[in-house]
């Protein structure tokens, strides 16, 4: 009886062990298949943690630690000018924060072109590149493109003035009232006292501020003193180079200059005087030179 009981126990333990082994093998196989399916369905994307805006940020707002946060960003889609560390974004800590130059929405990456340097404000000096200067041009509704100019736009600058006619000619042989293109694709950095490039409404400005080189500052100052400046808006994606343009009243109306016929100079007359007593006789002779 004991032998039968022992035999039954051994068989039971064997069956139980076999059942556990089969269940374990089935579970492991299922997990492996599931892992393979997930690997094929969603390939791994390498990410990098970068700083993004933690809330909507507007122009002129101070960028602080609580304004940003780190988040994973695909490495292959990283834009230029991102910040990956706190030391890169705030090299001087909270004592010298950055200022927002362009509006950012929540979860938008913080880029170098959208913020100032540490401790700088959002004034014009932060928008001037090395070697560039700010120069103000007086405008009105007509010369300022009807108020559709915004900071960040590019414009061509035309000069209209009078060229004196006393032996003075421009490169295009113009005279009188002349309009000439003097600067091309000049960048606007402010319209009146507005330097925010996110401005959407029309601004009827009295002055616009452009970023130009020192030599261009002198040329624009001379042009503004001697005539009237007008602006022409350049398209956002227009990379063409404007040719030299110069128009006066004569070329505008298609008039041609008729040369004045020069009167022929009279032939020289050579004479000789002969005295006969008290009488002097004048005789014509051929000229020898």
Protein backbone atom coordinates (compact mmCIF):
# COMPACT_ATOMS: atom_id res chain seq x y z
CA UNK A 1 0.00 0.00 0.00
CA UNK A 2 2.86 2.30 0.86
CA UNK A 3 4.56 1.43 -2.38
CA UNK A 4 1.46 2.34 -4.37
CA UNK A 5 1.15 5.64 -2.52
CA UNK A 6 4.79 6.47 -3.16
CA UNK A 7 4.46 5.60 -6.83
CA UNK A 8 1.41 7.82 -7.21
CA UNK A 9 3.25 10.69 -5.46
CA UNK A 10 6.24 10.41 -7.73
CA UNK A 11 4.05 10.35 -10.84
CA UNK A 12 2.12 13.38 -9.56
CA UNK A 13 5.28 15.36 -8.90
CA UNK A 14 6.58 14.48 -12.35
CA UNK A 15 3.39 15.62 -14.03
CA UNK A 16 3.37 18.85 -12.01
CA UNK A 17 6.99 19.58 -12.91
CA UNK A 18 6.29 18.89 -16.57
CA UNK A 19 3.28 21.22 -16.46
CA UNK A 20 5.37 24.01 -14.89
CA UNK A 21 8.09 23.52 -17.50
CA UNK A 22 5.58 23.69 -20.35
CA UNK A 23 3.93 26.81 -18.90
CA UNK A 24 7.27 28.53 -18.45
CA UNK A 25 8.33 27.72 -21.99
CA UNK A 26 5.03 29.01 -23.34
CA UNK A 27 5.28 32.29 -21.40
CA UNK A 28 8.89 32.87 -22.43
CA UNK A 29 8.05 32.20 -26.05
CA UNK A 30 5.09 34.59 -25.88
CA UNK A 31 7.21 37.33 -24.33
CA UNK A 32 9.91 36.89 -26.96
CA UNK A 33 7.41 37.13 -29.78
CA UNK A 34 5.84 40.21 -28.19
CA UNK A 35 9.25 41.88 -27.87
CA UNK A 36 10.08 41.11 -31.50
CA UNK A 37 6.77 42.55 -32.67
CA UNK A 38 7.28 45.74 -30.67
CA UNK A 39 10.80 46.14 -32.01
CA UNK A 40 9.55 45.85 -35.59
CA UNK A 41 6.51 48.06 -35.02
CA UNK A 42 8.29 51.00 -33.28
CA UNK A 43 12.00 51.34 -34.09
CA UNK A 44 14.08 53.05 -31.43
CA UNK A 45 14.55 56.84 -31.94
CA UNK A 46 17.63 58.41 -30.43
CA UNK A 47 16.70 61.48 -28.41
CA UNK A 48 18.50 64.37 -26.75
CA UNK A 49 17.23 66.42 -23.83
CA UNK A 50 16.93 70.11 -24.75
CA UNK A 51 15.37 73.11 -23.06
CA UNK A 52 11.89 74.13 -24.23
CA UNK A 53 9.47 76.83 -23.13
CA UNK A 54 7.36 75.69 -20.20
CA UNK A 55 4.74 78.37 -20.96
CA UNK A 56 3.99 80.90 -23.72
CA UNK A 57 6.74 83.54 -23.82
CA UNK A 58 6.33 87.00 -25.38
CA UNK A 59 8.77 89.56 -26.73
CA UNK A 60 10.66 91.39 -23.98
CA UNK A 61 9.83 88.83 -21.29
CA UNK A 62 12.70 87.79 -19.01
CA UNK A 63 13.72 84.14 -19.44
CA UNK A 64 14.21 82.46 -16.06
CA UNK A 65 14.71 78.94 -14.76
CA UNK A 66 11.00 78.43 -14.14
CA UNK A 67 10.20 79.51 -17.72
CA UNK A 68 11.86 76.45 -19.28
CA UNK A 69 12.20 72.72 -18.79
CA UNK A 70 14.14 69.80 -20.27
CA UNK A 71 12.40 67.43 -22.65
CA UNK A 72 13.44 64.66 -25.05
CA UNK A 73 13.88 65.76 -28.65
CA UNK A 74 14.77 63.55 -31.67
CA UNK A 75 18.48 63.93 -32.39
CA UNK A 76 17.98 63.85 -36.16
CA UNK A 77 15.50 66.76 -35.97
CA UNK A 78 17.46 69.12 -33.74
CA UNK A 79 17.33 72.75 -34.94
CA UNK A 80 20.38 74.99 -34.76
CA UNK A 81 20.98 77.00 -31.61
CA UNK A 82 19.39 74.66 -29.03
CA UNK A 83 20.44 74.53 -25.37
CA UNK A 84 21.13 71.13 -23.80
CA UNK A 85 22.45 72.18 -20.38
CA UNK A 86 21.56 74.73 -17.73
CA UNK A 87 25.09 76.14 -17.90
CA UNK A 88 24.74 76.82 -21.64
CA UNK A 89 21.38 78.56 -21.26
CA UNK A 90 22.28 80.47 -18.09
CA UNK A 91 26.10 80.74 -17.98
CA UNK A 92 25.88 83.45 -15.32
CA UNK A 93 22.98 81.88 -13.43
CA UNK A 94 19.83 83.76 -12.42
CA UNK A 95 21.82 86.96 -11.87
CA UNK A 96 22.05 87.62 -15.63
CA UNK A 97 19.00 86.04 -17.33
CA UNK A 98 18.24 86.23 -21.02
CA UNK A 99 15.41 88.21 -22.65
CA UNK A 100 12.96 86.88 -25.25
CA UNK A 101 13.39 88.40 -28.74
CA UNK A 102 10.70 86.35 -30.52
CA UNK A 103 7.50 84.87 -29.14
CA UNK A 104 7.57 81.18 -28.24
CA UNK A 105 4.72 78.78 -27.56
CA UNK A 106 4.68 76.16 -24.84
CA UNK A 107 6.92 73.13 -25.60
CA UNK A 108 8.76 75.10 -28.32
CA UNK A 109 12.55 74.68 -28.28
CA UNK A 110 14.50 77.66 -26.96
CA UNK A 111 16.84 78.80 -29.76
CA UNK A 112 19.73 81.24 -29.70
CA UNK A 113 18.08 83.49 -32.32
CA UNK A 114 15.00 83.88 -30.11
CA UNK A 115 16.75 85.09 -26.96
CA UNK A 116 19.39 87.70 -26.13
CA UNK A 117 22.76 87.08 -24.60
CA UNK A 118 23.04 86.68 -20.82
CA UNK A 119 22.17 89.93 -19.05
CA UNK A 120 21.11 91.76 -22.25
CA UNK A 121 17.76 93.40 -22.81
CA UNK A 122 15.66 93.30 -25.98
CA UNK A 123 16.93 96.66 -27.28
CA UNK A 124 18.36 97.43 -30.72
CA UNK A 125 21.94 96.69 -29.68
CA UNK A 126 21.07 93.00 -29.31
CA UNK A 127 19.92 92.92 -32.96
CA UNK A 128 23.03 94.52 -34.48
CA UNK A 129 25.56 92.09 -35.89
CA UNK A 130 29.29 92.73 -35.70
CA UNK A 131 30.30 95.74 -37.81
CA UNK A 132 26.72 96.97 -38.31
CA UNK A 133 25.20 100.27 -37.22
CA UNK A 134 21.63 101.50 -36.65
CA UNK A 135 20.39 104.40 -38.79
CA UNK A 136 16.95 106.06 -38.73
CA UNK A 137 15.15 107.01 -41.96
CA UNK A 138 12.23 109.44 -42.01
CA UNK A 139 9.15 108.02 -43.73
CA UNK A 140 5.45 108.75 -44.17
CA UNK A 141 2.49 106.79 -45.50
CA UNK A 142 3.67 106.84 -49.12
CA UNK A 143 7.43 106.40 -48.59
CA UNK A 144 6.89 103.80 -45.83
CA UNK A 145 4.85 101.32 -47.92
CA UNK A 146 1.52 102.36 -46.35
CA UNK A 147 2.42 101.08 -42.88
CA UNK A 148 3.06 97.45 -43.90
CA UNK A 149 6.68 97.48 -42.74
CA UNK A 150 7.63 95.33 -39.76
CA UNK A 151 10.93 94.73 -37.93
CA UNK A 152 12.83 91.99 -39.74
CA UNK A 153 11.63 93.00 -43.23
CA UNK A 154 14.09 93.94 -45.98
CA UNK A 155 13.66 97.03 -48.16
CA UNK A 156 15.27 98.75 -51.14
CA UNK A 157 16.05 102.44 -50.59
CA UNK A 158 15.46 104.97 -53.41
CA UNK A 159 16.68 108.59 -53.47
CA UNK A 160 14.78 111.35 -55.27
CA UNK A 161 16.43 114.73 -55.71
CA UNK A 162 17.67 117.30 -58.19
CA UNK A 163 20.90 117.01 -60.13
CA UNK A 164 22.32 120.35 -61.24
CA UNK A 165 22.53 120.86 -64.98
CA UNK A 166 25.76 122.89 -65.00
CA UNK A 167 28.09 120.35 -66.62
CA UNK A 168 26.90 117.76 -64.07
CA UNK A 169 25.83 114.29 -65.15
CA UNK A 170 25.07 111.15 -63.18
CA UNK A 171 26.24 107.71 -64.23
CA UNK A 172 23.07 107.32 -66.29
CA UNK A 173 23.58 110.75 -67.94
CA UNK A 174 20.53 112.04 -66.04
CA UNK A 175 19.82 115.60 -65.04
CA UNK A 176 17.10 117.58 -63.29
CA UNK A 177 14.81 115.60 -60.93
CA UNK A 178 16.26 112.08 -60.58
CA UNK A 179 15.20 108.92 -58.71
CA UNK A 180 17.93 106.36 -58.08
CA UNK A 181 18.26 103.06 -56.23
CA UNK A 182 21.02 103.59 -53.65
CA UNK A 183 20.73 100.60 -51.26
CA UNK A 184 19.27 97.12 -51.71
CA UNK A 185 17.83 94.55 -49.27
CA UNK A 186 18.46 96.63 -46.16
CA UNK A 187 17.18 94.99 -42.96
CA UNK A 188 14.70 96.83 -40.75
CA UNK A 189 15.34 96.39 -37.03
CA UNK A 190 12.69 98.80 -35.72
CA UNK A 191 9.60 100.69 -36.89
CA UNK A 192 9.17 103.83 -34.80
CA UNK A 193 9.93 102.53 -31.29
CA UNK A 194 8.74 98.99 -32.04
CA UNK A 195 11.49 96.35 -32.42
CA UNK A 196 9.22 93.30 -32.01
CA UNK A 197 9.24 91.23 -35.21
CA UNK A 198 6.03 89.46 -34.13
CA UNK A 199 3.96 92.61 -34.72
CA UNK A 200 1.01 91.81 -37.00
CA UNK A 201 -0.88 95.11 -37.30
CA UNK A 202 0.00 97.91 -39.70
CA UNK A 203 2.11 100.72 -38.23
CA UNK A 204 1.93 104.18 -39.81
CA UNK A 205 5.50 105.05 -38.93
CA UNK A 206 7.37 108.32 -38.96
CA UNK A 207 10.80 106.68 -38.82
CA UNK A 208 12.25 103.26 -39.51
CA UNK A 209 15.60 102.05 -38.23
CA UNK A 210 17.85 99.98 -40.47
CA UNK A 211 21.02 97.97 -39.82
CA UNK A 212 23.77 99.05 -42.22
CA UNK A 213 27.56 99.37 -42.40
CA UNK A 214 29.27 102.65 -41.48
CA UNK A 215 29.88 103.55 -45.15
CA UNK A 216 26.18 103.04 -45.86
CA UNK A 217 25.32 105.28 -42.89
CA UNK A 218 27.26 108.13 -44.50
CA UNK A 219 25.60 107.53 -47.88
CA UNK A 220 22.09 107.44 -46.38
CA UNK A 221 22.73 110.55 -44.28
CA UNK A 222 23.90 112.47 -47.35
CA UNK A 223 20.95 111.20 -49.40
CA UNK A 224 18.43 112.13 -46.69
CA UNK A 225 19.90 115.64 -46.46
CA UNK A 226 19.94 116.34 -50.20
CA UNK A 227 16.70 114.66 -51.25
CA UNK A 228 13.83 112.38 -50.27
CA UNK A 229 14.13 108.68 -49.44
CA UNK A 230 11.48 106.09 -50.34
CA UNK A 231 11.33 102.44 -49.35
CA UNK A 232 10.29 99.44 -51.44
CA UNK A 233 9.46 96.19 -49.62
CA UNK A 234 11.44 93.10 -50.69
CA UNK A 235 9.71 89.69 -50.72
CA UNK A 236 10.45 87.28 -47.88
CA UNK A 237 12.00 84.66 -50.18
CA UNK A 238 13.36 87.03 -52.82
CA UNK A 239 17.12 86.48 -53.16
CA UNK A 240 17.59 88.32 -56.46
CA UNK A 241 20.08 91.18 -56.72
CA UNK A 242 18.54 94.45 -57.90
CA UNK A 243 20.29 96.06 -60.85
CA UNK A 244 21.37 99.70 -60.97
CA UNK A 245 18.23 101.82 -61.45
CA UNK A 246 18.20 105.51 -62.32
CA UNK A 247 15.27 107.44 -63.80
CA UNK A 248 14.93 111.13 -64.65
CA UNK A 249 12.05 113.02 -66.27
CA UNK A 250 13.52 112.72 -69.75
CA UNK A 251 13.89 108.91 -69.57
CA UNK A 252 10.53 108.54 -67.78
CA UNK A 253 8.67 110.24 -70.65
CA UNK A 254 10.77 108.57 -73.32
CA UNK A 255 12.18 111.85 -74.59
CA UNK A 256 15.39 111.87 -76.63
CA UNK A 257 17.88 114.67 -76.52
CA UNK A 258 18.24 116.30 -79.96
CA UNK A 259 21.77 117.57 -80.50
CA UNK A 260 22.01 121.25 -81.42
CA UNK A 261 23.58 121.84 -84.83
CA UNK A 262 26.83 123.68 -84.50
CA UNK A 263 27.31 126.64 -86.86
CA UNK A 264 30.34 126.26 -89.07
CA UNK A 265 33.11 128.64 -88.21
CA UNK A 266 33.84 131.18 -91.01
CA UNK A 267 36.93 130.61 -93.06
CA UNK A 268 39.83 132.77 -91.93
CA UNK A 269 40.64 135.83 -94.05
CA UNK A 270 44.23 136.96 -94.45
CA UNK A 271 45.11 140.44 -95.66
CA UNK A 272 48.15 142.60 -96.32
CA UNK A 273 48.42 146.37 -96.08
CA UNK A 274 50.33 148.39 -98.67
CA UNK A 275 51.05 152.11 -98.23
CA UNK A 276 51.16 154.28 -101.30
CA UNK A 277 51.99 157.78 -100.28
CA UNK A 278 49.36 158.88 -97.84
CA UNK A 279 46.97 156.08 -98.91
CA UNK A 280 46.86 152.61 -97.29
CA UNK A 281 45.59 149.75 -99.50
CA UNK A 282 44.34 146.48 -97.90
CA UNK A 283 44.69 143.44 -100.14
CA UNK A 284 43.41 139.87 -99.46
CA UNK A 285 45.93 137.08 -99.84
CA UNK A 286 45.83 133.28 -99.27
CA UNK A 287 46.42 132.20 -95.69
CA UNK A 288 49.60 130.22 -95.19
CA UNK A 289 48.83 128.73 -91.76
